[in-house]
Amino acid sequence: MPRAGDDSNRRLPNKHNNEEDKTVNGSYNFLLHLLGFGVFTAVYLRSVLFEKTLRAEPDWTRKTLIMNIMNTGAWLGPVSGIVLLLSGFGNVYNRYLGAPEPVQFEGWIAGKLILFIILMINGVTMGRILSKRRFQLVHASAKEGPSPDNEQKLRQYNGWLTVFYLIQGLLLLAITSMAAFGSLKHPGAF
């Protein structure tokens, strides 16, 4: 039982909990993180909508055109992912700025980071491989004319890409849920 005057149970002050010392230290970083998430989500939704348009198109030449349009913004996914990763590390740093322990990490942040790394690796490797192979198939079919074998291969690639987009969407939803419900406050002060 603590004695009167014993400060052993007293918590050290945390910069983010002090109402008088609110700064905008983490705000710009957090806004950059939100912007990166918005771009990342927009790229995902754009890809899903173009995928639907591509599958509905019967003409192979138009399919090639749609796929060329899809590839124009393909670099936005990895770039916004890097922005999310770097600003996420900045948010963790700002969250624990002034904390008594030098390294303090919550489980939801670790889970979110692991899921995000899986999302990025899956997108950069499998998404790129499947899209490139399907593009080569569609481009060859547009030049030489479609064959029953090419139709079958296209259906197979479309099935794999459906699973890919489903996995990416579930990972993105899990990451968003962890961000929304993992903590009661966000880093930075507005």
N, C-alpha and C. Protein backbone atom coordinates (compact mmCIF):
# COMPACT_ATOMS: atom_id res chain seq x y z
N MET A 1 0.84 -1.17 0.00
CA MET A 1 0.00 0.00 0.00
C MET A 1 0.89 1.24 0.00
N PRO A 2 0.63 2.18 -0.92
CA PRO A 2 1.50 3.35 -0.97
C PRO A 2 1.32 4.24 0.26
N ARG A 3 2.41 4.80 0.68
CA ARG A 3 2.39 5.72 1.82
C ARG A 3 2.14 7.14 1.32
N ALA A 4 1.75 7.97 2.22
CA ALA A 4 1.56 9.38 1.88
C ALA A 4 2.90 9.95 1.49
N GLY A 5 2.92 10.67 0.42
CA GLY A 5 4.15 11.28 -0.07
C GLY A 5 4.96 10.36 -0.97
N ASP A 6 4.53 9.10 -1.16
CA ASP A 6 5.23 8.15 -2.03
C ASP A 6 4.79 8.40 -3.47
N ASP A 7 5.72 8.73 -4.33
CA ASP A 7 5.42 9.06 -5.72
C ASP A 7 5.69 7.88 -6.66
N SER A 8 5.80 6.67 -6.14
CA SER A 8 6.16 5.53 -6.99
C SER A 8 5.06 5.18 -7.99
N ASN A 9 3.80 5.47 -7.67
CA ASN A 9 2.70 5.16 -8.59
C ASN A 9 2.34 6.33 -9.51
N ARG A 10 3.03 7.42 -9.35
CA ARG A 10 2.73 8.59 -10.17
C ARG A 10 3.29 8.38 -11.58
N ARG A 11 2.48 8.66 -12.59
CA ARG A 11 2.91 8.53 -13.98
C ARG A 11 3.67 9.78 -14.40
N LEU A 12 4.66 9.57 -15.21
CA LEU A 12 5.39 10.71 -15.75
C LEU A 12 4.52 11.41 -16.79
N PRO A 13 4.65 12.71 -16.92
CA PRO A 13 3.80 13.43 -17.88
C PRO A 13 4.10 13.05 -19.32
N ASN A 14 3.07 12.96 -20.12
CA ASN A 14 3.18 12.67 -21.54
C ASN A 14 2.83 13.94 -22.29
N LYS A 15 3.60 14.29 -23.26
CA LYS A 15 3.40 15.55 -23.98
C LYS A 15 2.02 15.61 -24.61
N HIS A 16 1.50 14.49 -25.11
CA HIS A 16 0.20 14.51 -25.77
C HIS A 16 -0.96 14.61 -24.79
N ASN A 17 -0.74 14.30 -23.53
CA ASN A 17 -1.80 14.37 -22.54
C ASN A 17 -1.87 15.72 -21.85
N ASN A 18 -0.89 16.56 -22.06
CA ASN A 18 -0.86 17.87 -21.42
C ASN A 18 -1.65 18.86 -22.27
N GLU A 19 -2.79 19.31 -21.76
CA GLU A 19 -3.67 20.21 -22.51
C GLU A 19 -3.01 21.56 -22.79
N GLU A 20 -2.12 22.00 -21.89
CA GLU A 20 -1.51 23.31 -22.06
C GLU A 20 -0.44 23.30 -23.15
N ASP A 21 0.14 22.16 -23.43
CA ASP A 21 1.26 22.08 -24.35
C ASP A 21 0.87 21.41 -25.66
N LYS A 22 -0.31 21.72 -26.19
CA LYS A 22 -0.74 21.16 -27.48
C LYS A 22 0.04 21.85 -28.59
N THR A 23 0.67 21.06 -29.44
CA THR A 23 1.39 21.61 -30.58
C THR A 23 0.88 20.95 -31.84
N VAL A 24 1.29 21.46 -32.98
CA VAL A 24 0.90 20.88 -34.26
C VAL A 24 2.00 19.98 -34.79
N ASN A 25 2.77 19.39 -33.89
CA ASN A 25 3.90 18.57 -34.27
C ASN A 25 3.51 17.41 -35.17
N GLY A 26 2.44 16.70 -34.86
CA GLY A 26 2.06 15.54 -35.63
C GLY A 26 0.97 15.80 -36.65
N SER A 27 0.41 16.97 -36.69
CA SER A 27 -0.75 17.23 -37.54
C SER A 27 -0.43 17.12 -39.02
N TYR A 28 0.63 17.72 -39.46
CA TYR A 28 0.95 17.70 -40.89
C TYR A 28 1.30 16.28 -41.33
N ASN A 29 1.98 15.56 -40.48
CA ASN A 29 2.30 14.18 -40.78
C ASN A 29 1.03 13.34 -40.86
N PHE A 30 0.09 13.57 -39.94
CA PHE A 30 -1.16 12.83 -39.94
C PHE A 30 -1.99 13.17 -41.18
N LEU A 31 -1.99 14.46 -41.57
CA LEU A 31 -2.70 14.85 -42.80
C LEU A 31 -2.08 14.21 -44.03
N LEU A 32 -0.76 14.12 -44.06
CA LEU A 32 -0.09 13.44 -45.17
C LEU A 32 -0.46 11.96 -45.19
N HIS A 33 -0.61 11.37 -44.02
CA HIS A 33 -1.01 9.97 -43.92
C HIS A 33 -2.44 9.79 -44.45
N LEU A 34 -3.33 10.69 -44.09
CA LEU A 34 -4.71 10.63 -44.60
C LEU A 34 -4.75 10.83 -46.12
N LEU A 35 -3.93 11.74 -46.62
CA LEU A 35 -3.87 11.97 -48.07
C LEU A 35 -3.34 10.72 -48.78
N GLY A 36 -2.30 10.12 -48.24
CA GLY A 36 -1.76 8.88 -48.82
C GLY A 36 -2.78 7.76 -48.81
N PHE A 37 -3.55 7.67 -47.72
CA PHE A 37 -4.59 6.64 -47.65
C PHE A 37 -5.69 6.90 -48.68
N GLY A 38 -6.04 8.16 -48.85
CA GLY A 38 -7.05 8.51 -49.85
C GLY A 38 -6.61 8.15 -51.26
N VAL A 39 -5.37 8.45 -51.59
CA VAL A 39 -4.85 8.11 -52.92
C VAL A 39 -4.77 6.60 -53.08
N PHE A 40 -4.30 5.90 -52.05
CA PHE A 40 -4.19 4.44 -52.11
C PHE A 40 -5.55 3.80 -52.33
N THR A 41 -6.56 4.27 -51.59
CA THR A 41 -7.92 3.74 -51.73
C THR A 41 -8.49 4.07 -53.10
N ALA A 42 -8.24 5.29 -53.58
CA ALA A 42 -8.73 5.68 -54.90
C ALA A 42 -8.11 4.82 -56.00
N VAL A 43 -6.84 4.50 -55.88
CA VAL A 43 -6.18 3.64 -56.86
C VAL A 43 -6.80 2.25 -56.85
N TYR A 44 -7.09 1.74 -55.66
CA TYR A 44 -7.72 0.42 -55.55
C TYR A 44 -9.11 0.43 -56.19
N LEU A 45 -9.93 1.42 -55.84
CA LEU A 45 -11.28 1.49 -56.40
C LEU A 45 -11.25 1.72 -57.91
N ARG A 46 -10.31 2.53 -58.37
CA ARG A 46 -10.15 2.77 -59.81
C ARG A 46 -9.83 1.47 -60.54
N SER A 47 -8.95 0.68 -59.95
CA SER A 47 -8.58 -0.59 -60.56
C SER A 47 -9.77 -1.55 -60.63
N VAL A 48 -10.57 -1.58 -59.58
CA VAL A 48 -11.73 -2.47 -59.56
C VAL A 48 -12.75 -2.02 -60.62
N LEU A 49 -12.97 -0.72 -60.76
CA LEU A 49 -13.92 -0.23 -61.76
C LEU A 49 -13.42 -0.48 -63.19
N PHE A 50 -12.13 -0.25 -63.43
CA PHE A 50 -11.57 -0.55 -64.75
C PHE A 50 -11.63 -2.05 -65.04
N GLU A 51 -11.45 -2.85 -64.02
CA GLU A 51 -11.53 -4.30 -64.18
C GLU A 51 -12.92 -4.70 -64.65
N LYS A 52 -13.93 -4.11 -64.05
CA LYS A 52 -15.31 -4.41 -64.44
C LYS A 52 -15.58 -3.98 -65.88
N THR A 53 -15.08 -2.80 -66.25
CA THR A 53 -15.23 -2.30 -67.62
C THR A 53 -14.51 -3.20 -68.61
N LEU A 54 -13.33 -3.63 -68.25
CA LEU A 54 -12.52 -4.50 -69.12
C LEU A 54 -13.23 -5.83 -69.39
N ARG A 55 -13.80 -6.40 -68.37
CA ARG A 55 -14.46 -7.71 -68.54
C ARG A 55 -15.75 -7.60 -69.35
N ALA A 56 -16.38 -6.44 -69.32
CA ALA A 56 -17.63 -6.27 -70.07
C ALA A 56 -17.38 -5.98 -71.55
N GLU A 57 -16.17 -5.59 -71.90
CA GLU A 57 -15.85 -5.22 -73.28
C GLU A 57 -15.59 -6.47 -74.13
N PRO A 58 -16.35 -6.63 -75.24
CA PRO A 58 -16.13 -7.83 -76.08
C PRO A 58 -14.99 -7.66 -77.10
N ASP A 59 -14.68 -6.42 -77.50
CA ASP A 59 -13.67 -6.17 -78.53
C ASP A 59 -12.27 -6.21 -77.93
N TRP A 60 -11.38 -7.02 -78.54
CA TRP A 60 -10.03 -7.19 -78.01
C TRP A 60 -9.18 -5.93 -78.16
N THR A 61 -9.40 -5.16 -79.20
CA THR A 61 -8.64 -3.91 -79.38
C THR A 61 -9.02 -2.91 -78.29
N ARG A 62 -10.29 -2.82 -77.99
CA ARG A 62 -10.73 -1.92 -76.91
C ARG A 62 -10.24 -2.40 -75.55
N LYS A 63 -10.16 -3.70 -75.38
CA LYS A 63 -9.61 -4.24 -74.13
C LYS A 63 -8.17 -3.78 -73.96
N THR A 64 -7.40 -3.79 -75.06
CA THR A 64 -6.02 -3.31 -75.00
C THR A 64 -5.97 -1.84 -74.61
N LEU A 65 -6.88 -1.05 -75.18
CA LEU A 65 -6.94 0.38 -74.84
C LEU A 65 -7.28 0.58 -73.36
N ILE A 66 -8.25 -0.16 -72.86
CA ILE A 66 -8.62 -0.05 -71.44
C ILE A 66 -7.45 -0.45 -70.55
N MET A 67 -6.74 -1.48 -70.94
CA MET A 67 -5.59 -1.91 -70.13
C MET A 67 -4.46 -0.88 -70.17
N ASN A 68 -4.28 -0.21 -71.31
CA ASN A 68 -3.30 0.87 -71.36
C ASN A 68 -3.68 2.00 -70.43
N ILE A 69 -4.96 2.32 -70.36
CA ILE A 69 -5.42 3.37 -69.45
C ILE A 69 -5.22 2.93 -68.00
N MET A 70 -5.48 1.66 -67.73
CA MET A 70 -5.27 1.14 -66.37
C MET A 70 -3.81 1.27 -65.94
N ASN A 71 -2.91 1.04 -66.87
CA ASN A 71 -1.48 1.08 -66.54
C ASN A 71 -0.93 2.49 -66.35
N THR A 72 -1.65 3.53 -66.81
CA THR A 72 -1.12 4.89 -66.68
C THR A 72 -0.99 5.32 -65.23
N GLY A 73 -1.86 4.89 -64.37
CA GLY A 73 -1.79 5.28 -62.96
C GLY A 73 -1.27 4.20 -62.05
N ALA A 74 -0.65 3.18 -62.61
CA ALA A 74 -0.19 2.05 -61.80
C ALA A 74 0.91 2.45 -60.81
N TRP A 75 1.66 3.47 -61.10
CA TRP A 75 2.75 3.90 -60.21
C TRP A 75 2.21 4.58 -58.95
N LEU A 76 0.94 5.05 -58.97
CA LEU A 76 0.38 5.73 -57.80
C LEU A 76 0.22 4.80 -56.61
N GLY A 77 -0.05 3.53 -56.85
CA GLY A 77 -0.22 2.57 -55.76
C GLY A 77 1.04 2.43 -54.91
N PRO A 78 2.18 2.06 -55.51
CA PRO A 78 3.40 1.94 -54.70
C PRO A 78 3.86 3.27 -54.09
N VAL A 79 3.70 4.38 -54.82
CA VAL A 79 4.13 5.67 -54.28
C VAL A 79 3.28 6.05 -53.07
N SER A 80 1.96 5.89 -53.17
CA SER A 80 1.12 6.22 -52.02
C SER A 80 1.36 5.23 -50.88
N GLY A 81 1.73 3.99 -51.20
CA GLY A 81 2.09 3.02 -50.16
C GLY A 81 3.33 3.44 -49.40
N ILE A 82 4.32 3.95 -50.11
CA ILE A 82 5.54 4.43 -49.46
C ILE A 82 5.23 5.64 -48.59
N VAL A 83 4.38 6.55 -49.10
CA VAL A 83 3.97 7.72 -48.30
C VAL A 83 3.25 7.26 -47.04
N LEU A 84 2.36 6.26 -47.17
CA LEU A 84 1.65 5.73 -46.00
C LEU A 84 2.62 5.12 -44.99
N LEU A 85 3.58 4.37 -45.47
CA LEU A 85 4.53 3.72 -44.58
C LEU A 85 5.38 4.74 -43.83
N LEU A 86 5.94 5.70 -44.54
CA LEU A 86 6.79 6.71 -43.89
C LEU A 86 6.00 7.62 -42.95
N SER A 87 4.83 8.06 -43.38
CA SER A 87 4.03 8.91 -42.50
C SER A 87 3.47 8.11 -41.33
N GLY A 88 3.25 6.81 -41.51
CA GLY A 88 2.82 5.96 -40.40
C GLY A 88 3.90 5.85 -39.34
N PHE A 89 5.16 5.70 -39.77
CA PHE A 89 6.26 5.68 -38.80
C PHE A 89 6.35 7.03 -38.09
N GLY A 90 6.14 8.11 -38.84
CA GLY A 90 6.13 9.43 -38.22
C GLY A 90 5.01 9.58 -37.22
N ASN A 91 3.85 9.01 -37.51
CA ASN A 91 2.73 9.08 -36.57
C ASN A 91 3.03 8.30 -35.29
N VAL A 92 3.68 7.14 -35.43
CA VAL A 92 4.06 6.37 -34.24
C VAL A 92 5.05 7.16 -33.41
N TYR A 93 6.01 7.78 -34.07
CA TYR A 93 7.00 8.61 -33.35
C TYR A 93 6.30 9.76 -32.62
N ASN A 94 5.39 10.45 -33.32
CA ASN A 94 4.69 11.57 -32.70
C ASN A 94 3.74 11.12 -31.59
N ARG A 95 3.21 9.93 -31.72
CA ARG A 95 2.29 9.41 -30.70
C ARG A 95 3.01 9.22 -29.37
N TYR A 96 4.25 8.75 -29.43
CA TYR A 96 4.98 8.46 -28.20
C TYR A 96 6.05 9.51 -27.89
N LEU A 97 5.96 10.66 -28.50
CA LEU A 97 6.89 11.74 -28.23
C LEU A 97 6.71 12.18 -26.78
N GLY A 98 7.73 12.13 -26.01
CA GLY A 98 7.65 12.53 -24.61
C GLY A 98 7.20 11.42 -23.69
N ALA A 99 7.05 10.21 -24.20
CA ALA A 99 6.64 9.08 -23.35
C ALA A 99 7.80 8.70 -22.45
N PRO A 100 7.51 8.19 -21.24
CA PRO A 100 8.61 7.83 -20.33
C PRO A 100 9.46 6.68 -20.82
N GLU A 101 8.87 5.73 -21.53
CA GLU A 101 9.63 4.61 -22.06
C GLU A 101 10.11 4.98 -23.46
N PRO A 102 11.36 4.68 -23.80
CA PRO A 102 11.86 5.06 -25.13
C PRO A 102 11.18 4.31 -26.27
N VAL A 103 10.84 3.04 -26.05
CA VAL A 103 10.17 2.26 -27.08
C VAL A 103 8.91 1.68 -26.48
N GLN A 104 7.79 2.14 -26.99
CA GLN A 104 6.51 1.65 -26.52
C GLN A 104 5.69 1.37 -27.77
N PHE A 105 5.14 0.18 -27.88
CA PHE A 105 4.46 -0.20 -29.10
C PHE A 105 3.20 -0.96 -28.75
N GLU A 106 2.10 -0.61 -29.37
CA GLU A 106 0.84 -1.28 -29.12
C GLU A 106 0.61 -2.37 -30.16
N GLY A 107 -0.13 -3.39 -29.79
CA GLY A 107 -0.36 -4.54 -30.67
C GLY A 107 -1.10 -4.19 -31.94
N TRP A 108 -2.06 -3.26 -31.87
CA TRP A 108 -2.83 -2.93 -33.06
C TRP A 108 -1.95 -2.23 -34.10
N ILE A 109 -0.95 -1.51 -33.65
CA ILE A 109 -0.04 -0.86 -34.60
C ILE A 109 0.83 -1.91 -35.29
N ALA A 110 1.30 -2.89 -34.52
CA ALA A 110 2.11 -3.96 -35.11
C ALA A 110 1.28 -4.77 -36.11
N GLY A 111 0.04 -5.08 -35.74
CA GLY A 111 -0.84 -5.82 -36.65
C GLY A 111 -1.12 -5.05 -37.92
N LYS A 112 -1.36 -3.76 -37.76
CA LYS A 112 -1.62 -2.90 -38.92
C LYS A 112 -0.40 -2.85 -39.85
N LEU A 113 0.77 -2.75 -39.27
CA LEU A 113 2.01 -2.72 -40.06
C LEU A 113 2.23 -4.03 -40.81
N ILE A 114 1.99 -5.15 -40.14
CA ILE A 114 2.16 -6.46 -40.79
C ILE A 114 1.19 -6.62 -41.95
N LEU A 115 -0.09 -6.27 -41.72
CA LEU A 115 -1.08 -6.37 -42.80
C LEU A 115 -0.74 -5.44 -43.96
N PHE A 116 -0.24 -4.25 -43.64
CA PHE A 116 0.11 -3.30 -44.70
C PHE A 116 1.28 -3.81 -45.53
N ILE A 117 2.26 -4.42 -44.89
CA ILE A 117 3.40 -4.97 -45.64
C ILE A 117 2.94 -6.12 -46.53
N ILE A 118 2.04 -6.97 -46.02
CA ILE A 118 1.48 -8.05 -46.85
C ILE A 118 0.72 -7.46 -48.03
N LEU A 119 -0.07 -6.42 -47.79
CA LEU A 119 -0.83 -5.75 -48.85
C LEU A 119 0.10 -5.20 -49.93
N MET A 120 1.17 -4.55 -49.52
CA MET A 120 2.10 -3.96 -50.49
C MET A 120 2.85 -5.03 -51.28
N ILE A 121 3.35 -6.05 -50.60
CA ILE A 121 4.10 -7.11 -51.30
C ILE A 121 3.17 -7.84 -52.27
N ASN A 122 1.96 -8.14 -51.84
CA ASN A 122 1.00 -8.81 -52.71
C ASN A 122 0.67 -7.94 -53.92
N GLY A 123 0.48 -6.65 -53.70
CA GLY A 123 0.15 -5.76 -54.81
C GLY A 123 1.29 -5.59 -55.80
N VAL A 124 2.48 -5.43 -55.28
CA VAL A 124 3.63 -5.17 -56.16
C VAL A 124 4.05 -6.44 -56.91
N THR A 125 3.92 -7.59 -56.27
CA THR A 125 4.36 -8.82 -56.95
C THR A 125 3.22 -9.47 -57.73
N MET A 126 2.23 -9.99 -57.02
CA MET A 126 1.17 -10.75 -57.69
C MET A 126 0.32 -9.89 -58.61
N GLY A 127 -0.02 -8.70 -58.17
CA GLY A 127 -0.83 -7.83 -59.03
C GLY A 127 -0.12 -7.48 -60.31
N ARG A 128 1.14 -7.17 -60.19
CA ARG A 128 1.93 -6.82 -61.39
C ARG A 128 2.12 -8.02 -62.32
N ILE A 129 2.42 -9.17 -61.75
CA ILE A 129 2.63 -10.38 -62.57
C ILE A 129 1.36 -10.75 -63.32
N LEU A 130 0.23 -10.82 -62.60
CA LEU A 130 -1.03 -11.21 -63.24
C LEU A 130 -1.47 -10.19 -64.29
N SER A 131 -1.33 -8.91 -63.98
CA SER A 131 -1.74 -7.87 -64.93
C SER A 131 -0.87 -7.89 -66.18
N LYS A 132 0.43 -8.08 -65.99
CA LYS A 132 1.35 -8.09 -67.14
C LYS A 132 1.07 -9.28 -68.05
N ARG A 133 0.87 -10.45 -67.47
CA ARG A 133 0.59 -11.64 -68.29
C ARG A 133 -0.74 -11.50 -69.02
N ARG A 134 -1.74 -10.95 -68.34
CA ARG A 134 -3.03 -10.77 -69.01
C ARG A 134 -2.91 -9.72 -70.12
N PHE A 135 -2.15 -8.65 -69.88
CA PHE A 135 -1.96 -7.64 -70.91
C PHE A 135 -1.29 -8.24 -72.15
N GLN A 136 -0.27 -9.05 -71.95
CA GLN A 136 0.40 -9.68 -73.08
C GLN A 136 -0.55 -10.58 -73.86
N LEU A 137 -1.40 -11.31 -73.16
CA LEU A 137 -2.39 -12.17 -73.81
C LEU A 137 -3.40 -11.36 -74.61
N VAL A 138 -3.92 -10.30 -74.01
CA VAL A 138 -4.92 -9.46 -74.70
C VAL A 138 -4.29 -8.75 -75.88
N HIS A 139 -3.08 -8.26 -75.71
CA HIS A 139 -2.38 -7.56 -76.81
C HIS A 139 -2.13 -8.52 -77.98
N ALA A 140 -1.70 -9.73 -77.69
CA ALA A 140 -1.46 -10.71 -78.76
C ALA A 140 -2.77 -11.10 -79.44
N SER A 141 -3.84 -11.24 -78.69
CA SER A 141 -5.14 -11.60 -79.26
C SER A 141 -5.71 -10.46 -80.10
N ALA A 142 -5.41 -9.22 -79.72
CA ALA A 142 -5.88 -8.08 -80.51
C ALA A 142 -5.16 -8.02 -81.85
N LYS A 143 -3.89 -8.40 -81.88
CA LYS A 143 -3.13 -8.39 -83.13
C LYS A 143 -3.46 -9.58 -84.02
N GLU A 144 -3.44 -10.78 -83.45
CA GLU A 144 -3.60 -12.00 -84.24
C GLU A 144 -5.04 -12.48 -84.35
N GLY A 145 -5.89 -11.97 -83.51
CA GLY A 145 -7.27 -12.46 -83.47
C GLY A 145 -7.44 -13.44 -82.32
N PRO A 146 -8.59 -13.43 -81.68
CA PRO A 146 -8.79 -14.31 -80.52
C PRO A 146 -8.93 -15.77 -80.92
N SER A 147 -8.46 -16.61 -80.04
CA SER A 147 -8.62 -18.05 -80.24
C SER A 147 -9.32 -18.61 -79.00
N PRO A 148 -9.91 -19.81 -79.11
CA PRO A 148 -10.57 -20.40 -77.93
C PRO A 148 -9.60 -20.60 -76.75
N ASP A 149 -8.34 -20.90 -77.09
CA ASP A 149 -7.35 -21.07 -76.03
C ASP A 149 -7.10 -19.74 -75.30
N ASN A 150 -7.03 -18.64 -76.05
CA ASN A 150 -6.84 -17.33 -75.45
C ASN A 150 -8.04 -16.92 -74.59
N GLU A 151 -9.22 -17.27 -75.05
CA GLU A 151 -10.43 -16.97 -74.27
C GLU A 151 -10.37 -17.71 -72.93
N GLN A 152 -9.95 -18.96 -72.97
CA GLN A 152 -9.85 -19.75 -71.74
C GLN A 152 -8.79 -19.17 -70.80
N LYS A 153 -7.64 -18.80 -71.35
CA LYS A 153 -6.58 -18.20 -70.53
C LYS A 153 -7.02 -16.88 -69.94
N LEU A 154 -7.77 -16.08 -70.72
CA LEU A 154 -8.26 -14.80 -70.21
C LEU A 154 -9.23 -15.01 -69.05
N ARG A 155 -10.11 -15.98 -69.17
CA ARG A 155 -11.03 -16.29 -68.07
C ARG A 155 -10.25 -16.72 -66.82
N GLN A 156 -9.18 -17.47 -67.03
CA GLN A 156 -8.35 -17.92 -65.91
C GLN A 156 -7.66 -16.73 -65.23
N TYR A 157 -7.07 -15.83 -66.02
CA TYR A 157 -6.43 -14.64 -65.46
C TYR A 157 -7.46 -13.75 -64.75
N ASN A 158 -8.64 -13.63 -65.33
CA ASN A 158 -9.69 -12.82 -64.70
C ASN A 158 -10.10 -13.42 -63.36
N GLY A 159 -10.16 -14.73 -63.28
CA GLY A 159 -10.48 -15.38 -62.00
C GLY A 159 -9.41 -15.13 -60.95
N TRP A 160 -8.15 -15.26 -61.36
CA TRP A 160 -7.06 -14.99 -60.42
C TRP A 160 -7.07 -13.53 -59.96
N LEU A 161 -7.33 -12.62 -60.89
CA LEU A 161 -7.37 -11.21 -60.53
C LEU A 161 -8.57 -10.89 -59.63
N THR A 162 -9.66 -11.62 -59.79
CA THR A 162 -10.80 -11.44 -58.88
C THR A 162 -10.39 -11.80 -57.45
N VAL A 163 -9.70 -12.92 -57.31
CA VAL A 163 -9.22 -13.32 -55.99
C VAL A 163 -8.22 -12.30 -55.46
N PHE A 164 -7.34 -11.80 -56.33
CA PHE A 164 -6.36 -10.79 -55.93
C PHE A 164 -7.05 -9.54 -55.40
N TYR A 165 -8.03 -9.01 -56.14
CA TYR A 165 -8.72 -7.80 -55.70
C TYR A 165 -9.53 -8.04 -54.43
N LEU A 166 -10.06 -9.22 -54.26
CA LEU A 166 -10.79 -9.56 -53.04
C LEU A 166 -9.85 -9.57 -51.83
N ILE A 167 -8.69 -10.19 -51.99
CA ILE A 167 -7.71 -10.23 -50.90
C ILE A 167 -7.23 -8.82 -50.57
N GLN A 168 -6.93 -8.03 -51.60
CA GLN A 168 -6.47 -6.66 -51.36
C GLN A 168 -7.55 -5.84 -50.64
N GLY A 169 -8.80 -6.00 -51.05
CA GLY A 169 -9.89 -5.28 -50.41
C GLY A 169 -10.08 -5.67 -48.95
N LEU A 170 -9.97 -6.97 -48.67
CA LEU A 170 -10.10 -7.43 -47.28
C LEU A 170 -8.94 -6.93 -46.42
N LEU A 171 -7.74 -6.94 -46.96
CA LEU A 171 -6.59 -6.40 -46.22
C LEU A 171 -6.76 -4.91 -45.95
N LEU A 172 -7.21 -4.17 -46.96
CA LEU A 172 -7.42 -2.73 -46.79
C LEU A 172 -8.52 -2.46 -45.76
N LEU A 173 -9.57 -3.26 -45.78
CA LEU A 173 -10.65 -3.11 -44.80
C LEU A 173 -10.15 -3.44 -43.39
N ALA A 174 -9.33 -4.47 -43.24
CA ALA A 174 -8.78 -4.82 -41.93
C ALA A 174 -7.86 -3.73 -41.41
N ILE A 175 -7.04 -3.16 -42.28
CA ILE A 175 -6.13 -2.08 -41.87
C ILE A 175 -6.94 -0.85 -41.45
N THR A 176 -7.96 -0.53 -42.22
CA THR A 176 -8.80 0.62 -41.88
C THR A 176 -9.53 0.40 -40.56
N SER A 177 -10.00 -0.80 -40.32
CA SER A 177 -10.67 -1.11 -39.05
C SER A 177 -9.72 -0.98 -37.88
N MET A 178 -8.49 -1.46 -38.05
CA MET A 178 -7.51 -1.32 -36.97
C MET A 178 -7.18 0.14 -36.71
N ALA A 179 -7.12 0.93 -37.76
CA ALA A 179 -6.83 2.36 -37.58
C ALA A 179 -7.98 3.07 -36.88
N ALA A 180 -9.21 2.69 -37.22
CA ALA A 180 -10.36 3.37 -36.64
C ALA A 180 -10.63 2.93 -35.21
N PHE A 181 -10.46 1.66 -34.92
CA PHE A 181 -10.84 1.14 -33.61
C PHE A 181 -9.67 0.73 -32.74
N GLY A 182 -8.45 0.89 -33.23
CA GLY A 182 -7.28 0.45 -32.47
C GLY A 182 -6.91 1.35 -31.33
N SER A 183 -7.31 2.60 -31.41
CA SER A 183 -6.96 3.56 -30.37
C SER A 183 -8.06 4.58 -30.28
N LEU A 184 -8.13 5.24 -29.16
CA LEU A 184 -9.16 6.25 -28.97
C LEU A 184 -8.72 7.64 -29.40
N LYS A 185 -7.46 7.82 -29.68
CA LYS A 185 -7.00 9.12 -30.13
C LYS A 185 -5.99 8.95 -31.26
N HIS A 186 -5.92 9.95 -32.09
CA HIS A 186 -4.96 9.94 -33.19
C HIS A 186 -3.77 10.83 -32.84
N PRO A 187 -2.64 10.56 -33.44
CA PRO A 187 -1.46 11.36 -33.14
C PRO A 187 -1.61 12.78 -33.66
N GLY A 188 -0.99 13.69 -32.99
CA GLY A 188 -1.01 15.07 -33.44
C GLY A 188 -2.20 15.82 -32.88
N ALA A 189 -2.11 17.11 -32.95
CA ALA A 189 -3.21 17.96 -32.48
C ALA A 189 -3.55 18.94 -33.58
N PHE A 190 -4.81 19.09 -33.83
CA PHE A 190 -5.21 20.01 -34.89
C PHE A 190 -5.53 21.37 -34.34
